Amino acid sequence: MENHNVFAGAFVDRSGEKRKDPDWLSTAADSAASLFIPVWRHRCLVTGEDGNASLVFLDRDGGVDAAIDELIFLGLYRERPVFAFALDADETPYANRGRFEDLRRLGSLLAPDQANLAAHARALVLWHEATLFCGSCGAPARPESGGNARVCSSADCGRTLFPRVDPAVIVLVTQGDRCLLGRQTGWPEGRYSTIAGFAEPGESLEDAVRREVFEETNIHVGAVRYHSSQPWPFPSSLMLGFFAEARSRDIRLNDQELEDARWFTRRDLVSGFPKLPYRVSIARRLVDHWLTACA
C-alpha cells in the first residue's frame, strides 16, 4: 500500500454506477458475500489489541437485520459489496463481536484500507443524521442512490441532497530553519500544531492559506505549495495540506482564535517541547516531512 495520510487512499471501488441500480443494490444487500459495518454513537466496531486492531465486518448471517433503505452502499471492498448502517441502541450492540471505538483513536491502529473504510462509513452515517429534512422546503428527505444521496419527499420540491464536504486548509509556515506553530485553549499542555481554517465562498485554497495565517498570527506568507489531503470525518471536512513561506516574522494574535503562536526550530521540535500534533493528523505529517527535509 502507498504511503497515504490516515483515512485516505482509494482502497474501495465506490462503483458509482451501482448506486443507481436498485435491483443490484437489493440483491447485494441480501447476499451472503456482502459485508456490513455498524456505526454506533459515531463509533466503529473493532476487535483485537492496539497493536493488532481490526475492523469487524458483519454479514447477514451475523444478525444484520437492517432494511435496504437503512443501508449505505460504500462500494466494493476486496471485490465484495460493503454497506454501512447506523445503530440506535441504548446498550452496546454486538458486544460479543468486539468493542466500539472512536475513529480518532482507531485511525492509527487499523490497517490503512480499514481506516479509510471506517472514515467513509462514519462520514455518511453522520451526514444522514444531520440531513433528515430538505433545506429548501423543510419536508422530510428520504435516502436515495444506496444512501449516497437524499431526496426531498415533497412533490413540489423533489430536491436531491448530496453529502456535504467542507474544505479546510492546514499549513506549515516556515522561514529558514524555523516553523510557525500555534495552540488553542483547551489543548493538552504543551501541544502546538499547524495553522488551519476553512476556505470561504469565492476563495481559492492559496488565498485561504494566506488569509488564515494572517488572521491568526499576523504573518504574511508568499509562496504556497500543496502537499497532500486527508478526509477528516469529524464530521465532514477535507483537510488540504500546504507549506507556505513566511515574508514577515512578528507574531500577533489578530482574531484571538489561538491562545499562543511561536516560531520553533528543528532542534526545538525534536527536544520534546512542544508536543507535536497527533500522528493520525495531516498536521503531523507536514511537520514530519519538514523535519526530514531539514535533516
Protein backbone atom coordinates (compact mmCIF):
# COMPACT_ATOMS: atom_id res chain seq x y z
CA MET A 1 0.00 0.00 0.00
CA GLU A 2 1.22 3.51 -0.78
CA ASN A 3 2.08 5.98 1.94
CA HIS A 4 -1.27 7.71 2.38
CA ASN A 5 -2.43 10.07 5.05
CA VAL A 6 -4.53 8.28 7.65
CA PHE A 7 -8.13 7.78 6.39
CA ALA A 8 -7.05 8.47 2.79
CA GLY A 9 -6.45 6.11 -0.12
CA ALA A 10 -8.55 4.74 -2.96
CA PHE A 11 -8.92 1.31 -1.39
CA VAL A 12 -12.61 0.96 -2.22
CA ASP A 13 -14.13 0.83 -5.68
CA ARG A 14 -17.01 3.19 -5.00
CA SER A 15 -18.89 1.82 -8.02
CA GLY A 16 -20.98 4.94 -8.57
CA GLU A 17 -22.96 3.32 -11.37
CA LYS A 18 -24.29 0.64 -8.99
CA ARG A 19 -25.78 3.28 -6.69
CA LYS A 20 -28.37 3.96 -9.39
CA ASP A 21 -29.37 0.30 -9.81
CA PRO A 22 -31.97 -0.56 -7.14
CA ASP A 23 -32.19 -4.20 -8.25
CA TRP A 24 -28.44 -4.69 -7.92
CA LEU A 25 -28.42 -2.95 -4.53
CA SER A 26 -31.28 -5.10 -3.26
CA THR A 27 -29.57 -8.30 -4.36
CA ALA A 28 -26.26 -7.21 -2.87
CA ALA A 29 -27.89 -6.21 0.43
CA ASP A 30 -29.25 -9.76 0.82
CA SER A 31 -26.14 -11.53 -0.43
CA ALA A 32 -24.13 -13.78 1.87
CA ALA A 33 -20.99 -12.34 0.27
CA SER A 34 -21.69 -8.77 1.34
CA LEU A 35 -20.02 -7.06 4.31
CA PHE A 36 -21.63 -4.66 6.78
CA ILE A 37 -20.07 -2.01 9.03
CA PRO A 38 -22.15 -0.94 12.04
CA VAL A 39 -21.75 2.61 13.41
CA TRP A 40 -22.98 3.16 16.96
CA ARG A 41 -22.77 6.55 18.64
CA HIS A 42 -20.40 7.59 15.84
CA ARG A 43 -18.05 4.75 16.71
CA CYS A 44 -16.94 1.72 14.71
CA LEU A 45 -16.75 -1.91 15.79
CA VAL A 46 -13.26 -3.38 16.16
CA THR A 47 -11.56 -6.36 17.67
CA GLY A 48 -8.01 -7.12 18.76
CA GLU A 49 -5.48 -5.22 20.83
CA ASP A 50 -4.00 -1.84 19.95
CA GLY A 51 -1.09 -3.37 18.11
CA ASN A 52 -3.35 -5.67 16.12
CA ALA A 53 -6.74 -3.95 15.88
CA SER A 54 -9.07 -4.86 13.05
CA LEU A 55 -12.40 -3.57 11.82
CA VAL A 56 -15.24 -6.04 12.40
CA PHE A 57 -17.26 -6.88 9.29
CA LEU A 58 -20.71 -8.35 9.80
CA ASP A 59 -22.82 -10.36 7.39
CA ARG A 60 -26.49 -11.22 7.10
CA ASP A 61 -25.93 -14.46 8.99
CA GLY A 62 -24.29 -12.47 11.79
CA GLY A 63 -27.50 -10.75 12.85
CA VAL A 64 -27.64 -7.76 10.49
CA ASP A 65 -31.33 -7.05 10.04
CA ALA A 66 -31.15 -3.50 8.66
CA ALA A 67 -33.64 -2.79 5.89
CA ILE A 68 -32.40 -1.82 2.44
CA ASP A 69 -33.34 1.84 2.94
CA GLU A 70 -31.23 1.92 6.13
CA LEU A 71 -28.10 0.68 4.40
CA ILE A 72 -25.43 2.91 2.89
CA PHE A 73 -23.58 1.40 -0.04
CA LEU A 74 -19.87 2.23 0.28
CA GLY A 75 -18.65 0.29 -2.76
CA LEU A 76 -16.71 -2.89 -3.43
CA TYR A 77 -14.09 -3.76 -0.83
CA ARG A 78 -11.79 -6.53 -1.99
CA GLU A 79 -14.42 -7.25 -4.66
CA ARG A 80 -17.22 -7.70 -2.10
CA PRO A 81 -20.12 -5.25 -1.66
CA VAL A 82 -19.82 -3.36 1.61
CA PHE A 83 -22.52 -1.37 3.39
CA ALA A 84 -22.62 0.81 6.49
CA PHE A 85 -25.59 1.23 8.79
CA ALA A 86 -26.35 3.22 11.92
CA LEU A 87 -27.37 1.65 15.21
CA ASP A 88 -29.68 3.38 17.65
CA ALA A 89 -29.41 1.27 20.79
CA ASP A 90 -29.11 2.17 24.46
CA GLU A 91 -26.88 -0.77 25.30
CA THR A 92 -23.73 -1.65 23.39
CA PRO A 93 -24.72 -3.82 20.41
CA TYR A 94 -22.67 -6.76 19.13
CA ALA A 95 -20.78 -6.90 22.43
CA ASN A 96 -19.86 -10.50 21.63
CA ARG A 97 -18.13 -9.43 18.43
CA GLY A 98 -15.89 -6.63 19.63
CA ARG A 99 -15.91 -3.11 21.02
CA PHE A 100 -16.93 0.26 19.56
CA GLU A 101 -14.06 2.75 19.39
CA ASP A 102 -13.75 6.41 18.44
CA LEU A 103 -12.28 6.81 14.97
CA ARG A 104 -9.75 9.44 16.09
CA ARG A 105 -8.09 6.72 18.12
CA LEU A 106 -8.64 3.96 15.58
CA GLY A 107 -7.10 5.81 12.69
CA SER A 108 -3.52 4.93 13.53
CA LEU A 109 -4.37 1.44 14.83
CA LEU A 110 -6.18 -0.01 11.83
CA ALA A 111 -4.70 -1.08 8.52
CA PRO A 112 -4.84 1.83 6.01
CA ASP A 113 -7.63 0.30 3.93
CA GLN A 114 -9.78 -0.37 7.01
CA ALA A 115 -9.19 3.12 8.40
CA ASN A 116 -10.25 4.55 5.04
CA LEU A 117 -13.40 2.41 5.01
CA ALA A 118 -14.33 3.30 8.59
CA ALA A 119 -13.94 7.01 7.83
CA HIS A 120 -16.19 6.66 4.78
CA ALA A 121 -18.83 4.84 6.82
CA ARG A 122 -18.77 7.30 9.72
CA ALA A 123 -18.95 10.36 7.49
CA LEU A 124 -22.02 9.14 5.61
CA VAL A 125 -23.82 7.98 8.76
CA LEU A 126 -23.33 11.42 10.33
CA TRP A 127 -24.49 13.14 7.14
CA HIS A 128 -27.74 11.17 7.15
CA GLU A 129 -28.33 12.04 10.80
CA ALA A 130 -27.92 15.74 10.00
CA THR A 131 -29.96 15.72 6.78
CA LEU A 132 -33.38 14.42 7.76
CA PHE A 133 -35.18 17.33 6.12
CA CYS A 134 -34.90 19.29 2.90
CA GLY A 135 -33.03 22.54 3.37
CA SER A 136 -35.20 24.28 0.76
CA CYS A 137 -38.76 23.48 1.82
CA GLY A 138 -38.43 21.65 5.15
CA ALA A 139 -40.13 18.43 4.04
CA PRO A 140 -38.69 15.07 5.12
CA ALA A 141 -35.90 13.72 2.92
CA ARG A 142 -35.54 10.02 2.14
CA PRO A 143 -32.39 8.04 1.28
CA GLU A 144 -31.61 7.54 -2.39
CA SER A 145 -28.82 6.03 -4.51
CA GLY A 146 -27.87 3.43 -1.96
CA GLY A 147 -27.63 6.03 0.79
CA ASN A 148 -25.29 8.28 -1.19
CA ALA A 149 -27.95 10.96 -1.59
CA ARG A 150 -31.29 12.00 -0.12
CA VAL A 151 -34.36 13.24 -1.98
CA CYS A 152 -36.97 15.68 -0.73
CA SER A 153 -40.32 13.91 -0.32
CA SER A 154 -42.33 16.95 -1.42
CA ALA A 155 -43.76 16.58 -4.92
CA ASP A 156 -43.47 20.35 -5.34
CA CYS A 157 -39.78 20.34 -4.48
CA GLY A 158 -38.10 16.98 -5.05
CA ARG A 159 -34.63 18.40 -4.47
CA THR A 160 -31.74 15.92 -4.42
CA LEU A 161 -29.34 16.41 -1.50
CA PHE A 162 -25.75 15.20 -1.65
CA PRO A 163 -23.25 14.63 1.18
CA ARG A 164 -21.50 17.80 2.25
CA VAL A 165 -17.72 18.11 2.36
CA ASP A 166 -16.14 21.19 3.96
CA PRO A 167 -12.69 22.12 2.56
CA ALA A 168 -10.21 23.25 5.19
CA VAL A 169 -6.63 24.39 4.64
CA ILE A 170 -3.92 23.29 7.03
CA VAL A 171 -0.49 24.83 6.59
CA LEU A 172 3.01 24.61 7.97
CA VAL A 173 4.55 28.08 7.64
CA THR A 174 8.34 28.09 7.50
CA GLN A 175 11.13 30.65 7.37
CA GLY A 176 14.60 29.20 7.04
CA ASP A 177 15.17 26.73 9.87
CA ARG A 178 12.04 27.79 11.77
CA CYS A 179 8.40 26.84 11.52
CA LEU A 180 5.29 28.52 12.89
CA LEU A 181 3.00 26.59 15.24
CA GLY A 182 0.06 27.65 17.37
CA ARG A 183 -2.11 26.23 20.11
CA GLN A 184 -5.76 26.57 21.04
CA THR A 185 -7.21 26.93 24.51
CA GLY A 186 -8.19 23.56 25.88
CA TRP A 187 -5.49 21.56 24.12
CA PRO A 188 -3.24 19.30 26.22
CA GLU A 189 -0.48 21.24 27.93
CA GLY A 190 2.42 21.96 25.62
CA ARG A 191 0.61 20.86 22.44
CA TYR A 192 1.20 23.02 19.33
CA SER A 193 0.08 22.41 15.77
CA THR A 194 -0.06 23.90 12.29
CA ILE A 195 -2.33 26.78 11.30
CA ALA A 196 -5.71 25.73 9.90
CA GLY A 197 -9.09 27.08 8.88
CA PHE A 198 -11.99 26.64 6.49
CA ALA A 199 -11.99 28.01 2.98
CA GLU A 200 -14.64 30.68 2.41
CA PRO A 201 -17.01 31.13 -0.56
CA GLY A 202 -15.32 32.70 -3.59
CA GLU A 203 -11.84 31.97 -2.22
CA SER A 204 -9.06 29.88 -3.71
CA LEU A 205 -7.18 27.49 -1.45
CA GLU A 206 -4.00 29.55 -1.78
CA ASP A 207 -5.90 32.68 -0.76
CA ALA A 208 -7.41 30.80 2.17
CA VAL A 209 -3.93 29.83 3.35
CA ARG A 210 -2.71 33.42 3.24
CA ARG A 211 -5.84 34.78 4.94
CA GLU A 212 -5.93 32.22 7.74
CA VAL A 213 -2.25 32.61 8.57
CA PHE A 214 -2.55 36.39 8.71
CA GLU A 215 -5.82 36.38 10.68
CA GLU A 216 -4.45 34.03 13.30
CA THR A 217 -0.80 35.11 13.57
CA ASN A 218 -0.31 38.38 11.62
CA ILE A 219 2.30 36.62 9.46
CA HIS A 220 2.33 37.37 5.73
CA VAL A 221 3.16 34.40 3.51
CA GLY A 222 4.34 34.29 -0.08
CA ALA A 223 4.81 31.03 -1.98
CA VAL A 224 2.24 28.35 -1.15
CA ARG A 225 2.94 24.73 -2.05
CA TYR A 226 0.43 21.88 -1.90
CA HIS A 227 1.46 18.70 -0.08
CA SER A 228 -1.48 16.27 0.25
CA SER A 229 -5.03 15.92 1.51
CA GLN A 230 -6.83 13.96 4.20
CA PRO A 231 -10.52 13.14 4.64
CA TRP A 232 -11.42 14.14 8.18
CA PRO A 233 -14.89 12.78 9.07
CA PHE A 234 -15.38 14.82 12.26
CA PRO A 235 -17.91 15.35 10.87
CA SER A 236 -17.31 16.21 7.19
CA SER A 237 -14.06 18.03 6.46
CA LEU A 238 -11.44 17.57 3.77
CA MET A 239 -8.08 18.75 5.08
CA LEU A 240 -5.85 20.20 2.36
CA GLY A 241 -2.24 20.35 3.45
CA PHE A 242 0.20 23.07 2.35
CA PHE A 243 3.62 24.52 3.04
CA ALA A 244 3.98 28.30 2.92
CA GLU A 245 6.98 30.61 3.08
CA ALA A 246 6.76 33.46 5.60
CA ARG A 247 7.52 37.01 4.48
CA SER A 248 7.32 38.50 7.95
CA ARG A 249 8.31 37.43 11.43
CA ASP A 250 6.46 39.33 14.17
CA ILE A 251 3.53 37.37 15.58
CA ARG A 252 0.30 38.97 16.74
CA LEU A 253 -2.88 37.03 17.52
CA ASN A 254 -5.26 39.06 15.38
CA ASP A 255 -8.50 37.13 15.75
CA GLN A 256 -7.80 35.51 19.14
CA GLU A 257 -8.59 32.03 17.82
CA LEU A 258 -5.22 30.89 19.13
CA GLU A 259 -4.03 31.02 22.72
CA ASP A 260 -0.42 31.24 21.58
CA ALA A 261 1.74 31.03 18.47
CA ARG A 262 5.52 30.75 18.24
CA TRP A 263 8.42 30.09 15.93
CA PHE A 264 10.17 26.77 16.59
CA THR A 265 13.45 25.43 15.23
CA ARG A 266 14.03 21.84 14.23
CA ARG A 267 16.06 21.42 17.39
CA ASP A 268 13.08 22.63 19.42
CA LEU A 269 10.75 20.13 17.80
CA VAL A 270 12.95 17.12 18.49
CA SER A 271 13.63 18.23 22.09
CA GLY A 272 10.22 17.17 23.42
CA PHE A 273 8.72 20.67 23.52
CA PRO A 274 6.41 21.50 22.01
CA LYS A 275 4.29 18.37 21.92
CA LEU A 276 3.62 17.73 18.26
CA PRO A 277 0.25 17.06 16.61
CA TYR A 278 -1.21 13.56 16.90
CA ARG A 279 0.20 11.10 14.37
CA VAL A 280 -3.25 10.45 12.92
CA SER A 281 -3.41 14.01 11.58
CA ILE A 282 -2.09 15.55 8.37
CA ALA A 283 -0.64 18.29 10.60
CA ARG A 284 1.84 15.79 11.99
CA ARG A 285 2.72 14.56 8.52
CA LEU A 286 3.51 18.12 7.42
CA VAL A 287 5.77 18.62 10.45
CA ASP A 288 7.49 15.25 9.96
CA HIS A 289 8.05 15.97 6.27
CA TRP A 290 9.70 19.31 7.12
CA LEU A 291 11.85 17.72 9.80
CA THR A 292 13.03 15.03 7.40
CA ALA A 293 13.77 17.59 4.69
CA CYS A 294 15.84 19.62 7.17
CA ALA A 295 17.80 16.61 8.42
